[in-house]
Amino acid sequence: MSNPTLFSLIPLSPTLGARISGLDLAQSLSAETIADIRQALLKHEVLFFENQNLTPHQQRDFAARFGELHLHPIRPSVPGTPEVLVLDNQPASDTDTGTWRADVTFIETPPMGSMLYARHVPPEGGDTLWSSMRAAYAALSPSLRAFLQPLDAEHDFTRSFPPDHMTSLNVGIERYAWARREYPPVAHPLVRTHPETGRDALFVNSGFTTRILGLTKTESIKILELLADHIQRPEFVIRWRWKAGTLAFCDNRVTQHYTVDDYQPNRRVMHRVAILGDKPFNRSRIRHAAE
């Protein structure tokens, strides 16, 4: 980092995660500080900023320092601030708890990062886990890594947002039909090369990945199940207990997250902003194509 004295950083595990203190994210931070935060994200994959007091506009403006922001096709957002999604999990609502996922991988250029800000947390429960797909990939055998390298996987909007999902119903038939047309299934490399670090990582998730292309249905199901189990190994995972006013910034290119569904019937409200990234690629294929 160019100036590590601007804030303090404490790693949370040898694999991923760090707590950052000494910054007020509601203020306009210097370009040097933003660059240092980006470098910390690349190294630790998920960063936590506690004791923040952010309006939706301030969260949006901080996120916009890292890139163009994503507008979700159907999720509810803060009125007047469409970039800030409202994840309001309460009794009788559809939730994304209980599933390992990366955000918005159903588009051609999935988010490089997501910022999740705790507005209201239950008295206990509702923790979020993050897993490093870089570490998970590196822990596979060389033979399995070589098998996975040339494969693509399909990511589908409707896997997490079927027609009977409450979010789908709430936006109405016409808006949902538009979203399905606008976002048909897309194929991404099953092993993705990080565009900034050059490291390879798994790029499939239970939230949006439907199948591995080029394999039989049974083969695809079994391999996706194997990988879904593998990424949950404790060596790859950190667990974060939320306090109101905490902002988590994760590298969506190389992590997955899981919300523990143990807080019902209490309410849990998060504001999320996603920062668009680039089209996933696999460097080994580029190298082989050039030879």
Protein backbone atom coordinates (compact mmCIF):
# COMPACT_ATOMS: atom_id res chain seq x y z
CA MET A 1 0.00 0.00 0.00
CA SER A 2 1.13 3.54 -0.72
CA ASN A 3 0.46 4.86 2.77
CA PRO A 4 -0.50 2.18 5.31
CA THR A 5 -0.73 4.75 8.13
CA LEU A 6 -4.03 6.10 6.77
CA PHE A 7 -5.90 3.25 8.46
CA SER A 8 -5.18 0.17 10.53
CA LEU A 9 -5.82 -3.34 9.27
CA ILE A 10 -6.11 -6.56 11.27
CA PRO A 11 -6.32 -9.86 9.35
CA LEU A 12 -9.08 -12.19 10.55
CA SER A 13 -7.64 -15.47 9.26
CA PRO A 14 -4.66 -16.70 7.25
CA THR A 15 -6.98 -17.27 4.26
CA LEU A 16 -9.25 -14.26 3.96
CA GLY A 17 -10.85 -11.37 5.81
CA ALA A 18 -9.58 -8.22 7.51
CA ARG A 19 -10.98 -5.59 9.84
CA ILE A 20 -10.18 -1.98 8.91
CA SER A 21 -10.43 0.92 11.36
CA GLY A 22 -9.55 4.59 11.31
CA LEU A 23 -11.73 5.59 8.35
CA ASP A 24 -15.04 7.44 8.15
CA LEU A 25 -16.62 6.17 4.95
CA ALA A 26 -19.16 8.99 4.98
CA GLN A 27 -16.34 11.41 4.13
CA SER A 28 -14.80 11.95 0.73
CA LEU A 29 -11.66 9.82 0.85
CA SER A 30 -8.52 10.61 -1.12
CA ALA A 31 -7.60 8.72 -4.26
CA GLU A 32 -4.61 7.29 -2.38
CA THR A 33 -6.86 5.91 0.37
CA ILE A 34 -9.22 4.35 -2.19
CA ALA A 35 -6.22 2.74 -3.89
CA ASP A 36 -5.04 1.36 -0.53
CA ILE A 37 -8.49 -0.07 0.19
CA ARG A 38 -8.49 -1.75 -3.22
CA GLN A 39 -5.09 -3.30 -2.52
CA ALA A 40 -6.34 -4.52 0.86
CA LEU A 41 -9.36 -6.07 -0.86
CA LEU A 42 -7.17 -7.89 -3.36
CA LYS A 43 -5.07 -9.33 -0.55
CA HIS A 44 -7.78 -10.17 2.01
CA GLU A 45 -10.85 -10.66 -0.28
CA VAL A 46 -13.37 -9.30 2.25
CA LEU A 47 -12.99 -6.18 4.40
CA PHE A 48 -15.05 -5.06 7.40
CA PHE A 49 -15.53 -1.43 8.43
CA GLU A 50 -17.27 -1.12 11.81
CA ASN A 51 -18.95 1.89 13.48
CA GLN A 52 -19.96 3.60 10.25
CA ASN A 53 -22.92 5.96 9.94
CA LEU A 54 -23.89 5.96 6.28
CA THR A 55 -26.88 7.27 4.40
CA PRO A 56 -27.82 5.35 1.24
CA HIS A 57 -26.33 8.18 -0.84
CA GLN A 58 -23.05 7.98 1.07
CA GLN A 59 -22.86 4.21 0.66
CA ARG A 60 -23.54 4.61 -3.06
CA ASP A 61 -20.91 7.33 -3.44
CA PHE A 62 -18.27 5.29 -1.60
CA ALA A 63 -18.97 2.25 -3.77
CA ALA A 64 -18.83 4.36 -6.94
CA ARG A 65 -15.17 5.16 -6.20
CA PHE A 66 -14.39 1.57 -7.24
CA GLY A 67 -16.37 1.40 -10.48
CA GLU A 68 -19.72 1.60 -12.22
CA LEU A 69 -22.64 0.45 -10.08
CA HIS A 70 -25.12 -2.28 -10.96
CA LEU A 71 -28.88 -1.74 -11.12
CA HIS A 72 -30.73 -4.93 -10.22
CA PRO A 73 -33.58 -5.81 -12.58
CA ILE A 74 -36.16 -6.75 -9.93
CA ARG A 75 -34.91 -6.38 -6.36
CA PRO A 76 -36.36 -3.48 -4.32
CA SER A 77 -34.10 -0.49 -3.74
CA VAL A 78 -34.00 2.63 -1.60
CA PRO A 79 -36.39 5.24 -3.07
CA GLY A 80 -34.35 7.78 -5.02
CA THR A 81 -31.21 5.63 -4.83
CA PRO A 82 -31.74 2.69 -7.21
CA GLU A 83 -28.15 1.49 -6.82
CA VAL A 84 -28.79 0.63 -3.14
CA LEU A 85 -30.80 -2.57 -2.73
CA VAL A 86 -32.89 -3.20 0.38
CA LEU A 87 -32.52 -6.75 1.70
CA ASP A 88 -35.26 -6.79 4.31
CA ASN A 89 -35.54 -10.29 5.73
CA GLN A 90 -38.45 -10.73 8.10
CA PRO A 91 -41.16 -13.32 8.78
CA ALA A 92 -43.06 -14.42 5.67
CA SER A 93 -40.50 -12.89 3.29
CA ASP A 94 -38.39 -14.67 0.69
CA THR A 95 -34.74 -14.66 1.70
CA ASP A 96 -31.41 -15.67 0.23
CA THR A 97 -30.39 -17.39 3.43
CA GLY A 98 -29.27 -20.99 3.42
CA THR A 99 -27.49 -20.86 0.03
CA TRP A 100 -23.87 -20.26 -0.88
CA ARG A 101 -23.76 -17.65 -3.62
CA ALA A 102 -21.88 -14.88 -5.37
CA ASP A 103 -23.81 -11.80 -6.42
CA VAL A 104 -25.34 -11.31 -9.88
CA THR A 105 -23.25 -13.84 -11.78
CA PHE A 106 -26.12 -14.15 -14.27
CA ILE A 107 -24.85 -11.16 -16.30
CA GLU A 108 -21.99 -10.93 -18.82
CA THR A 109 -19.89 -8.73 -16.52
CA PRO A 110 -20.62 -9.88 -12.95
CA PRO A 111 -19.82 -7.50 -10.09
CA MET A 112 -16.20 -7.13 -9.04
CA GLY A 113 -17.36 -6.38 -5.54
CA SER A 114 -20.35 -5.98 -3.24
CA MET A 115 -20.81 -3.69 -0.26
CA LEU A 116 -23.24 -4.88 2.39
CA TYR A 117 -24.21 -2.40 5.10
CA ALA A 118 -26.04 -3.51 8.26
CA ARG A 119 -29.00 -1.23 8.92
CA HIS A 120 -30.88 -3.42 11.39
CA VAL A 121 -29.63 -6.67 12.89
CA PRO A 122 -31.40 -9.28 15.02
CA PRO A 123 -30.46 -9.60 18.69
CA GLU A 124 -28.65 -12.82 17.82
CA GLY A 125 -28.09 -14.89 14.71
CA GLY A 126 -28.01 -13.82 11.08
CA ASP A 127 -24.23 -14.13 10.71
CA THR A 128 -22.68 -14.18 7.24
CA LEU A 129 -19.95 -16.59 6.14
CA TRP A 130 -17.51 -15.90 3.31
CA SER A 131 -15.46 -18.55 1.52
CA SER A 132 -12.39 -17.99 -0.64
CA MET A 133 -12.75 -19.54 -4.08
CA ARG A 134 -9.02 -18.95 -4.65
CA ALA A 135 -8.14 -21.09 -1.64
CA ALA A 136 -10.78 -23.67 -2.55
CA TYR A 137 -9.40 -24.03 -6.07
CA ALA A 138 -5.80 -24.25 -4.90
CA ALA A 139 -6.71 -27.08 -2.50
CA LEU A 140 -8.03 -29.32 -5.29
CA SER A 141 -5.78 -32.02 -6.70
CA PRO A 142 -3.73 -31.07 -9.78
CA SER A 143 -5.67 -33.64 -11.82
CA LEU A 144 -9.06 -32.17 -10.89
CA ARG A 145 -7.83 -28.61 -11.49
CA ALA A 146 -6.66 -29.64 -14.96
CA PHE A 147 -10.05 -31.25 -15.67
CA LEU A 148 -11.99 -28.15 -14.61
CA GLN A 149 -9.81 -25.57 -16.41
CA PRO A 150 -11.36 -25.83 -19.91
CA LEU A 151 -14.99 -26.08 -18.74
CA ASP A 152 -17.74 -23.45 -18.81
CA ALA A 153 -20.75 -23.29 -16.51
CA GLU A 154 -24.15 -21.76 -17.16
CA HIS A 155 -25.51 -19.06 -14.81
CA ASP A 156 -29.24 -18.38 -14.86
CA PHE A 157 -31.21 -15.47 -13.35
CA THR A 158 -34.24 -17.71 -12.77
CA ARG A 159 -32.37 -20.12 -10.50
CA SER A 160 -32.58 -17.63 -7.63
CA PHE A 161 -35.58 -15.73 -8.98
CA PRO A 162 -38.17 -18.24 -10.23
CA PRO A 163 -41.62 -16.91 -11.13
CA ASP A 164 -43.07 -17.83 -7.71
CA HIS A 165 -40.33 -16.04 -5.72
CA MET A 166 -41.83 -13.18 -3.71
CA THR A 167 -39.47 -10.66 -5.28
CA SER A 168 -40.54 -11.87 -8.73
CA LEU A 169 -44.21 -11.59 -7.85
CA ASN A 170 -43.84 -8.14 -6.30
CA VAL A 171 -42.43 -6.54 -9.46
CA GLY A 172 -45.35 -7.71 -11.58
CA ILE A 173 -45.69 -9.94 -14.62
CA GLU A 174 -44.47 -7.41 -17.19
CA ARG A 175 -41.31 -6.39 -15.31
CA TYR A 176 -40.43 -10.00 -14.54
CA ALA A 177 -40.96 -11.03 -18.16
CA TRP A 178 -38.69 -8.16 -19.26
CA ALA A 179 -35.98 -9.29 -16.82
CA ARG A 180 -36.08 -12.85 -18.15
CA ARG A 181 -35.71 -11.56 -21.73
CA GLU A 182 -32.98 -9.08 -20.80
CA TYR A 183 -30.95 -11.64 -18.84
CA PRO A 184 -30.89 -15.00 -20.63
CA PRO A 185 -28.54 -17.68 -19.27
CA VAL A 186 -24.84 -16.87 -19.72
CA ALA A 187 -21.74 -19.08 -19.75
CA HIS A 188 -18.68 -18.25 -17.66
CA PRO A 189 -15.43 -20.18 -17.17
CA LEU A 190 -15.73 -22.63 -14.32
CA VAL A 191 -12.21 -21.57 -13.31
CA ARG A 192 -11.82 -17.81 -13.49
CA THR A 193 -8.55 -15.86 -13.59
CA HIS A 194 -8.66 -12.80 -11.35
CA PRO A 195 -8.10 -9.78 -13.64
CA GLU A 196 -6.00 -7.90 -11.07
CA THR A 197 -4.05 -10.58 -9.17
CA GLY A 198 -3.76 -13.19 -11.93
CA ARG A 199 -4.75 -15.97 -9.53
CA ASP A 200 -7.23 -18.66 -10.55
CA ALA A 201 -10.38 -19.38 -8.56
CA LEU A 202 -13.54 -21.44 -8.83
CA PHE A 203 -16.42 -19.49 -10.38
CA VAL A 204 -19.59 -21.50 -9.78
CA ASN A 205 -22.20 -20.95 -7.09
CA SER A 206 -25.43 -22.57 -5.95
CA GLY A 207 -27.33 -19.30 -6.31
CA PHE A 208 -27.08 -19.02 -10.09
CA THR A 209 -25.06 -21.89 -11.63
CA THR A 210 -27.36 -24.42 -13.28
CA ARG A 211 -25.06 -26.78 -15.16
CA ILE A 212 -21.57 -27.44 -16.50
CA LEU A 213 -21.55 -27.29 -20.27
CA GLY A 214 -20.21 -30.23 -22.24
CA LEU A 215 -20.99 -32.81 -19.55
CA THR A 216 -23.96 -35.10 -19.15
CA LYS A 217 -26.67 -33.99 -16.74
CA THR A 218 -25.58 -36.56 -14.16
CA GLU A 219 -21.89 -35.63 -14.48
CA SER A 220 -22.72 -31.95 -14.12
CA ILE A 221 -24.86 -32.50 -11.04
CA LYS A 222 -22.24 -34.63 -9.32
CA ILE A 223 -19.34 -32.26 -9.99
CA LEU A 224 -21.34 -29.21 -8.89
CA GLU A 225 -22.30 -31.08 -5.72
CA LEU A 226 -18.65 -31.99 -5.10
CA LEU A 227 -17.57 -28.36 -5.50
CA ALA A 228 -20.45 -27.04 -3.40
CA ASP A 229 -19.35 -29.32 -0.55
CA HIS A 230 -15.68 -28.53 -1.05
CA ILE A 231 -15.99 -24.73 -0.73
CA GLN A 232 -17.52 -25.11 2.75
CA ARG A 233 -14.33 -26.48 4.32
CA PRO A 234 -13.52 -24.42 7.42
CA GLU A 235 -10.02 -23.71 6.12
CA PHE A 236 -11.53 -21.49 3.41
CA VAL A 237 -14.20 -19.76 5.52
CA ILE A 238 -14.65 -16.89 7.95
CA ARG A 239 -17.83 -16.14 9.90
CA TRP A 240 -18.85 -12.57 10.66
CA ARG A 241 -21.23 -11.56 13.45
CA TRP A 242 -22.97 -8.36 12.48
CA LYS A 243 -23.40 -5.15 14.42
CA ALA A 244 -25.52 -2.30 13.08
CA GLY A 245 -23.33 0.22 11.28
CA THR A 246 -20.87 -2.31 9.87
CA LEU A 247 -20.05 -2.32 6.16
CA ALA A 248 -18.57 -5.41 4.50
CA PHE A 249 -16.78 -5.04 1.16
CA CYS A 250 -16.15 -8.37 -0.57
CA ASP A 251 -14.37 -9.24 -3.81
CA ASN A 252 -17.23 -10.94 -5.65
CA ARG A 253 -14.83 -12.39 -8.23
CA VAL A 254 -13.16 -14.66 -5.71
CA THR A 255 -15.58 -15.18 -2.79
CA GLN A 256 -18.95 -16.67 -2.03
CA HIS A 257 -21.11 -15.85 0.97
CA TYR A 258 -23.80 -17.57 3.02
CA THR A 259 -26.31 -16.01 5.40
CA VAL A 260 -27.14 -18.22 8.38
CA ASP A 261 -30.91 -18.59 8.62
CA ASP A 262 -31.18 -18.78 12.42
CA TYR A 263 -32.66 -15.39 13.30
CA GLN A 264 -36.36 -15.82 12.48
CA PRO A 265 -38.80 -14.44 13.52
CA ASN A 266 -36.55 -11.41 14.02
CA ARG A 267 -35.91 -8.83 11.33
CA ARG A 268 -32.63 -8.26 9.48
CA VAL A 269 -32.18 -5.30 7.11
CA MET A 270 -29.14 -4.83 4.89
CA HIS A 271 -28.37 -2.33 2.14
CA ARG A 272 -26.32 -3.72 -0.74
CA VAL A 273 -24.47 -2.03 -3.57
CA ALA A 274 -22.79 -4.05 -6.33
CA ILE A 275 -19.86 -2.70 -8.38
CA LEU A 276 -19.69 -3.97 -11.94
CA GLY A 277 -16.64 -5.90 -13.07
CA ASP A 278 -15.40 -7.30 -16.35
CA LYS A 279 -16.18 -10.38 -18.39
CA PRO A 280 -14.70 -13.49 -16.69
CA PHE A 281 -11.84 -15.20 -18.52
CA ASN A 282 -9.42 -18.07 -18.05
CA ARG A 283 -5.78 -17.23 -18.79
CA SER A 284 -4.78 -20.79 -19.71
CA ARG A 285 -7.25 -20.79 -22.58
CA ILE A 286 -5.95 -17.47 -23.86
CA ARG A 287 -2.39 -18.80 -23.68
CA HIS A 288 -3.27 -22.02 -25.48
CA ALA A 289 -5.20 -20.16 -28.18
CA ALA A 290 -2.16 -17.98 -28.83
CA GLU A 291 0.21 -20.94 -29.22
